[in-house]
Amino acid sequence: MAQLTILEFPDPRLRTRAAPVQVFDAPLGRLIDDMLETMYAAPGIGLAATQVNVHLRLIVVDVSETRSEPQVFINPQILASEGVEQSEEGCLSVPQIFEPIERAACVRVRAQDRHGVWFERDLDGLLAVCVQHEMDHLEGKLFVDYLSSLKRERIRRRLEKERRERGAAPRVRPAAAARSATGAKVI
């Protein structure tokens, strides 16, 4: 397995709409394993293939406290949603930024597993939020798109300044950065 590079806002590749996965083979399995390794190392609780510059409809998540329950959603679709929940979100592609975002409280998702088998699941709580967040990435949408244009521009400038200051050095992602001051997890 290998850790992959996570694209950071405002990289235009994050705006690419992902194509459906059509081939379920060993390379796809390796990509899933590499994405899980990357997500755990970041550390985060969700990762979309778009974030690692692979534009396929694939997301991985693990919202368990023990980080031992990886889940894979390929070609995911939201069939139904209900309720509204606001929670503070962060994103591996928008490092160290946390903002309150409204999403459906419960969703019914249809997706394929790593072998191409279709399944449907009802999701709520953090898992529902995480899957919706990652599915946005597959459409080229980021959580900052739910914010005002002024706030989004401030975030973009701040991240670009940090990138300039750090130069070619990779971002150091300490474990403490995985949560906001209020305890929100990085999705």
C-alpha atoms as a PDB file:
ATOM      1  CA  MET A   1       0.000   0.000   0.000  1.00  0.00           C
ATOM      2  CA  ALA A   2       1.020   3.590  -0.518  1.00  0.00           C
ATOM      3  CA  GLN A   3      -0.011   6.953   0.791  1.00  0.00           C
ATOM      4  CA  LEU A   4      -1.399   9.237  -1.873  1.00  0.00           C
ATOM      5  CA  THR A   5      -1.083  13.010  -2.168  1.00  0.00           C
ATOM      6  CA  ILE A   6      -4.222  14.868  -1.085  1.00  0.00           C
ATOM      7  CA  LEU A   7      -5.124  17.840  -3.274  1.00  0.00           C
ATOM      8  CA  GLU A   8      -5.792  21.087  -1.416  1.00  0.00           C
ATOM      9  CA  PHE A   9      -8.254  23.897  -2.105  1.00  0.00           C
ATOM     10  CA  PRO A  10      -8.195  25.855  -4.393  1.00  0.00           C
ATOM     11  CA  ASP A  11      -6.610  23.237  -6.689  1.00  0.00           C
ATOM     12  CA  PRO A  12      -8.857  23.190  -9.792  1.00  0.00           C
ATOM     13  CA  ARG A  13      -8.656  19.377 -10.025  1.00  0.00           C
ATOM     14  CA  LEU A  14     -10.926  19.251  -6.970  1.00  0.00           C
ATOM     15  CA  ARG A  15     -13.670  20.684  -9.223  1.00  0.00           C
ATOM     16  CA  THR A  16     -13.601  17.701 -11.598  1.00  0.00           C
ATOM     17  CA  ARG A  17     -16.764  15.577 -11.699  1.00  0.00           C
ATOM     18  CA  ALA A  18     -15.940  11.925 -11.154  1.00  0.00           C
ATOM     19  CA  ALA A  19     -16.811   9.214 -13.670  1.00  0.00           C
ATOM     20  CA  PRO A  20     -18.578   5.991 -12.689  1.00  0.00           C
ATOM     21  CA  VAL A  21     -16.409   3.018 -11.793  1.00  0.00           C
ATOM     22  CA  GLN A  22     -16.963   0.353 -14.430  1.00  0.00           C
ATOM     23  CA  VAL A  23     -14.167  -2.143 -13.784  1.00  0.00           C
ATOM     24  CA  PHE A  24     -13.842  -3.930 -10.453  1.00  0.00           C
ATOM     25  CA  ASP A  25     -10.360  -5.417 -10.535  1.00  0.00           C
ATOM     26  CA  ALA A  26      -7.086  -5.675  -8.612  1.00  0.00           C
ATOM     27  CA  PRO A  27      -5.967  -2.097  -9.455  1.00  0.00           C
ATOM     28  CA  LEU A  28      -9.258  -0.781  -8.038  1.00  0.00           C
ATOM     29  CA  GLY A  29      -8.675  -2.856  -4.896  1.00  0.00           C
ATOM     30  CA  ARG A  30      -5.177  -1.357  -4.546  1.00  0.00           C
ATOM     31  CA  LEU A  31      -6.592   2.154  -4.997  1.00  0.00           C
ATOM     32  CA  ILE A  32      -9.154   1.488  -2.240  1.00  0.00           C
ATOM     33  CA  ASP A  33      -6.426   0.199   0.093  1.00  0.00           C
ATOM     34  CA  ASP A  34      -4.172   3.172  -0.716  1.00  0.00           C
ATOM     35  CA  MET A  35      -7.040   5.594  -0.085  1.00  0.00           C
ATOM     36  CA  LEU A  36      -7.767   3.990   3.287  1.00  0.00           C
ATOM     37  CA  GLU A  37      -4.088   4.193   4.252  1.00  0.00           C
ATOM     38  CA  THR A  38      -3.997   7.845   3.151  1.00  0.00           C
ATOM     39  CA  MET A  39      -7.192   8.681   5.063  1.00  0.00           C
ATOM     40  CA  TYR A  40      -5.953   7.034   8.278  1.00  0.00           C
ATOM     41  CA  ALA A  41      -2.529   8.695   8.015  1.00  0.00           C
ATOM     42  CA  ALA A  42      -3.939  12.172   7.300  1.00  0.00           C
ATOM     43  CA  PRO A  43      -5.817  11.599   9.784  1.00  0.00           C
ATOM     44  CA  GLY A  44      -9.398  11.829   8.565  1.00  0.00           C
ATOM     45  CA  ILE A  45     -12.662   9.918   8.609  1.00  0.00           C
ATOM     46  CA  GLY A  46     -13.479  10.087   4.898  1.00  0.00           C
ATOM     47  CA  LEU A  47     -11.761  10.456   1.551  1.00  0.00           C
ATOM     48  CA  ALA A  48     -13.059  10.723  -2.009  1.00  0.00           C
ATOM     49  CA  ALA A  49     -11.000   9.548  -4.979  1.00  0.00           C
ATOM     50  CA  THR A  50     -11.240  13.083  -6.407  1.00  0.00           C
ATOM     51  CA  GLN A  51      -9.168  14.323  -3.455  1.00  0.00           C
ATOM     52  CA  VAL A  52      -6.251  12.119  -4.552  1.00  0.00           C
ATOM     53  CA  ASN A  53      -6.606  13.145  -8.217  1.00  0.00           C
ATOM     54  CA  VAL A  54      -8.408   9.981  -9.307  1.00  0.00           C
ATOM     55  CA  HIS A  55     -11.674  11.046 -10.846  1.00  0.00           C
ATOM     56  CA  LEU A  56     -13.792   7.963 -10.190  1.00  0.00           C
ATOM     57  CA  ARG A  57     -16.972   7.706  -8.107  1.00  0.00           C
ATOM     58  CA  LEU A  58     -15.326   6.087  -5.089  1.00  0.00           C
ATOM     59  CA  ILE A  59     -15.285   7.085  -1.423  1.00  0.00           C
ATOM     60  CA  VAL A  60     -13.887   5.465   1.710  1.00  0.00           C
ATOM     61  CA  VAL A  61     -14.973   6.258   5.266  1.00  0.00           C
ATOM     62  CA  ASP A  62     -14.370   5.087   8.805  1.00  0.00           C
ATOM     63  CA  VAL A  63     -16.188   6.987  11.537  1.00  0.00           C
ATOM     64  CA  SER A  64     -15.432   4.424  14.263  1.00  0.00           C
ATOM     65  CA  GLU A  65     -13.530   5.593  17.332  1.00  0.00           C
ATOM     66  CA  THR A  66     -11.116   2.656  16.924  1.00  0.00           C
ATOM     67  CA  ARG A  67     -10.549   3.345  13.207  1.00  0.00           C
ATOM     68  CA  SER A  68     -11.262  -0.307  12.548  1.00  0.00           C
ATOM     69  CA  GLU A  69     -14.480  -0.219  10.490  1.00  0.00           C
ATOM     70  CA  PRO A  70     -13.533   0.911   6.976  1.00  0.00           C
ATOM     71  CA  GLN A  71     -16.420   1.291   4.560  1.00  0.00           C
ATOM     72  CA  VAL A  72     -16.294   1.608   0.787  1.00  0.00           C
ATOM     73  CA  PHE A  73     -18.973   3.238  -1.369  1.00  0.00           C
ATOM     74  CA  ILE A  74     -18.526   2.950  -5.142  1.00  0.00           C
ATOM     75  CA  ASN A  75     -20.882   4.754  -7.527  1.00  0.00           C
ATOM     76  CA  PRO A  76     -22.915   6.010  -4.537  1.00  0.00           C
ATOM     77  CA  GLN A  77     -26.356   7.535  -4.951  1.00  0.00           C
ATOM     78  CA  ILE A  78     -28.610   9.124  -2.356  1.00  0.00           C
ATOM     79  CA  LEU A  79     -32.059   7.593  -2.813  1.00  0.00           C
ATOM     80  CA  ALA A  80     -33.819   9.478  -0.012  1.00  0.00           C
ATOM     81  CA  SER A  81     -33.051  11.973   2.702  1.00  0.00           C
ATOM     82  CA  GLU A  82     -34.872  13.455   5.657  1.00  0.00           C
ATOM     83  CA  GLY A  83     -34.351  16.027   8.343  1.00  0.00           C
ATOM     84  CA  VAL A  84     -31.686  18.676   8.608  1.00  0.00           C
ATOM     85  CA  GLU A  85     -28.680  18.610  10.887  1.00  0.00           C
ATOM     86  CA  GLN A  86     -26.003  21.236  11.342  1.00  0.00           C
ATOM     87  CA  SER A  87     -22.544  20.124  12.348  1.00  0.00           C
ATOM     88  CA  GLU A  88     -19.058  21.537  12.188  1.00  0.00           C
ATOM     89  CA  GLU A  89     -17.140  20.074   9.257  1.00  0.00           C
ATOM     90  CA  GLY A  90     -13.533  20.018   8.269  1.00  0.00           C
ATOM     91  CA  CYS A  91     -11.900  18.574   5.177  1.00  0.00           C
ATOM     92  CA  LEU A  92      -8.544  17.040   4.338  1.00  0.00           C
ATOM     93  CA  SER A  93      -8.512  19.214   1.194  1.00  0.00           C
ATOM     94  CA  VAL A  94      -9.217  22.385   3.210  1.00  0.00           C
ATOM     95  CA  PRO A  95      -6.789  21.833   6.091  1.00  0.00           C
ATOM     96  CA  GLN A  96      -7.373  23.283   9.545  1.00  0.00           C
ATOM     97  CA  ILE A  97     -10.638  24.997   8.547  1.00  0.00           C
ATOM     98  CA  PHE A  98     -13.842  24.080  10.392  1.00  0.00           C
ATOM     99  CA  GLU A  99     -17.257  25.587   9.693  1.00  0.00           C
ATOM    100  CA  PRO A 100     -20.883  24.713  10.537  1.00  0.00           C
ATOM    101  CA  ILE A 101     -22.660  23.106   7.561  1.00  0.00           C
ATOM    102  CA  GLU A 102     -26.264  21.915   7.185  1.00  0.00           C
ATOM    103  CA  ARG A 103     -26.898  18.493   5.673  1.00  0.00           C
ATOM    104  CA  ALA A 104     -29.644  15.895   5.674  1.00  0.00           C
ATOM    105  CA  ALA A 105     -29.840  14.155   9.055  1.00  0.00           C
ATOM    106  CA  CYS A 106     -30.612  10.726   7.533  1.00  0.00           C
ATOM    107  CA  VAL A 107     -29.962   9.365   4.052  1.00  0.00           C
ATOM    108  CA  ARG A 108     -30.638   6.123   2.216  1.00  0.00           C
ATOM    109  CA  VAL A 109     -27.633   5.329   0.027  1.00  0.00           C
ATOM    110  CA  ARG A 110     -27.261   2.856  -2.807  1.00  0.00           C
ATOM    111  CA  ALA A 111     -23.693   1.951  -3.784  1.00  0.00           C
ATOM    112  CA  GLN A 112     -21.420  -0.873  -4.830  1.00  0.00           C
ATOM    113  CA  ASP A 113     -18.792  -2.554  -2.684  1.00  0.00           C
ATOM    114  CA  ARG A 114     -15.224  -3.253  -3.777  1.00  0.00           C
ATOM    115  CA  HIS A 115     -16.420  -6.335  -5.705  1.00  0.00           C
ATOM    116  CA  GLY A 116     -19.167  -4.484  -7.593  1.00  0.00           C
ATOM    117  CA  VAL A 117     -22.061  -5.844  -5.519  1.00  0.00           C
ATOM    118  CA  TRP A 118     -24.874  -3.322  -5.043  1.00  0.00           C
ATOM    119  CA  PHE A 119     -26.187  -2.591  -1.550  1.00  0.00           C
ATOM    120  CA  GLU A 120     -28.508  -0.097   0.127  1.00  0.00           C
ATOM    121  CA  ARG A 121     -28.056   1.335   3.608  1.00  0.00           C
ATOM    122  CA  ASP A 122     -29.798   3.821   5.843  1.00  0.00           C
ATOM    123  CA  LEU A 123     -27.264   6.199   7.376  1.00  0.00           C
ATOM    124  CA  ASP A 124     -27.575   8.779  10.121  1.00  0.00           C
ATOM    125  CA  GLY A 125     -25.379  10.795  12.438  1.00  0.00           C
ATOM    126  CA  LEU A 126     -21.725  11.293  11.602  1.00  0.00           C
ATOM    127  CA  LEU A 127     -21.750   8.557   8.947  1.00  0.00           C
ATOM    128  CA  ALA A 128     -24.573  10.304   7.035  1.00  0.00           C
ATOM    129  CA  VAL A 129     -22.714  13.630   7.204  1.00  0.00           C
ATOM    130  CA  CYS A 130     -19.449  12.039   6.114  1.00  0.00           C
ATOM    131  CA  VAL A 131     -20.941  10.214   3.125  1.00  0.00           C
ATOM    132  CA  GLN A 132     -22.749  13.366   1.933  1.00  0.00           C
ATOM    133  CA  HIS A 133     -19.533  15.390   2.322  1.00  0.00           C
ATOM    134  CA  GLU A 134     -17.516  12.846   0.315  1.00  0.00           C
ATOM    135  CA  MET A 135     -20.231  12.532  -2.332  1.00  0.00           C
ATOM    136  CA  ASP A 136     -19.997  16.300  -2.834  1.00  0.00           C
ATOM    137  CA  HIS A 137     -16.336  15.806  -3.789  1.00  0.00           C
ATOM    138  CA  LEU A 138     -17.432  13.417  -6.540  1.00  0.00           C
ATOM    139  CA  GLU A 139     -19.462  16.291  -8.013  1.00  0.00           C
ATOM    140  CA  GLY A 140     -16.545  18.737  -7.764  1.00  0.00           C
ATOM    141  CA  LYS A 141     -18.053  20.461  -4.740  1.00  0.00           C
ATOM    142  CA  LEU A 142     -16.293  21.340  -1.474  1.00  0.00           C
ATOM    143  CA  PHE A 143     -17.777  22.147   1.911  1.00  0.00           C
ATOM    144  CA  VAL A 144     -16.538  25.737   1.534  1.00  0.00           C
ATOM    145  CA  ASP A 145     -19.040  26.103  -1.321  1.00  0.00           C
ATOM    146  CA  TYR A 146     -21.775  26.162   1.338  1.00  0.00           C
ATOM    147  CA  LEU A 147     -20.157  29.275   2.857  1.00  0.00           C
ATOM    148  CA  SER A 148     -20.485  32.882   1.759  1.00  0.00           C
ATOM    149  CA  SER A 149     -18.219  33.956  -1.090  1.00  0.00           C
ATOM    150  CA  LEU A 150     -16.443  36.342   1.291  1.00  0.00           C
ATOM    151  CA  LYS A 151     -15.652  33.584   3.789  1.00  0.00           C
ATOM    152  CA  ARG A 152     -14.601  31.206   0.989  1.00  0.00           C
ATOM    153  CA  GLU A 153     -12.233  33.852  -0.440  1.00  0.00           C
ATOM    154  CA  ARG A 154     -10.654  34.451   2.995  1.00  0.00           C
ATOM    155  CA  ILE A 155     -10.050  30.720   3.362  1.00  0.00           C
ATOM    156  CA  ARG A 156      -8.552  30.502  -0.140  1.00  0.00           C
ATOM    157  CA  ARG A 157      -6.167  33.396   0.573  1.00  0.00           C
ATOM    158  CA  ARG A 158      -5.147  31.928   3.934  1.00  0.00           C
ATOM    159  CA  LEU A 159      -4.367  28.507   2.446  1.00  0.00           C
ATOM    160  CA  GLU A 160      -2.457  30.001  -0.488  1.00  0.00           C
ATOM    161  CA  LYS A 161      -0.384  32.110   1.924  1.00  0.00           C
ATOM    162  CA  GLU A 162       0.429  29.004   4.005  1.00  0.00           C
ATOM    163  CA  ARG A 163       1.444  27.132   0.829  1.00  0.00           C
ATOM    164  CA  ARG A 164       3.740  29.976  -0.254  1.00  0.00           C
ATOM    165  CA  GLU A 165       5.344  30.128   3.202  1.00  0.00           C
ATOM    166  CA  ARG A 166       5.956  26.403   3.337  1.00  0.00           C
ATOM    167  CA  GLY A 167       7.259  26.298  -0.254  1.00  0.00           C
ATOM    168  CA  ALA A 168       7.736  22.826  -1.666  1.00  0.00           C
ATOM    169  CA  ALA A 169       7.658  21.191   1.752  1.00  0.00           C
ATOM    170  CA  PRO A 170       4.664  18.886   2.266  1.00  0.00           C
ATOM    171  CA  ARG A 171       2.028  19.842   4.806  1.00  0.00           C
ATOM    172  CA  VAL A 172       2.632  18.273   8.180  1.00  0.00           C
ATOM    173  CA  ARG A 173      -0.664  16.866   9.436  1.00  0.00           C
ATOM    174  CA  PRO A 174      -0.377  16.322  13.185  1.00  0.00           C
ATOM    175  CA  ALA A 175      -2.942  14.041  14.825  1.00  0.00           C
ATOM    176  CA  ALA A 176      -4.211  16.989  16.857  1.00  0.00           C
ATOM    177  CA  ALA A 177      -5.231  18.692  13.622  1.00  0.00           C
ATOM    178  CA  ALA A 178      -7.792  15.956  13.051  1.00  0.00           C
ATOM    179  CA  ARG A 179     -10.287  17.782  15.271  1.00  0.00           C
ATOM    180  CA  SER A 180     -11.445  21.358  15.589  1.00  0.00           C
ATOM    181  CA  ALA A 181     -11.589  23.222  18.873  1.00  0.00           C
ATOM    182  CA  THR A 182     -15.167  21.989  19.302  1.00  0.00           C
ATOM    183  CA  GLY A 183     -14.235  18.388  18.561  1.00  0.00           C
ATOM    184  CA  ALA A 184     -15.441  18.143  14.939  1.00  0.00           C
ATOM    185  CA  LYS A 185     -13.610  15.479  12.991  1.00  0.00           C
ATOM    186  CA  VAL A 186     -11.893  16.082   9.668  1.00  0.00           C
ATOM    187  CA  ILE A 187     -13.899  14.471   6.923  1.00  0.00           C
END
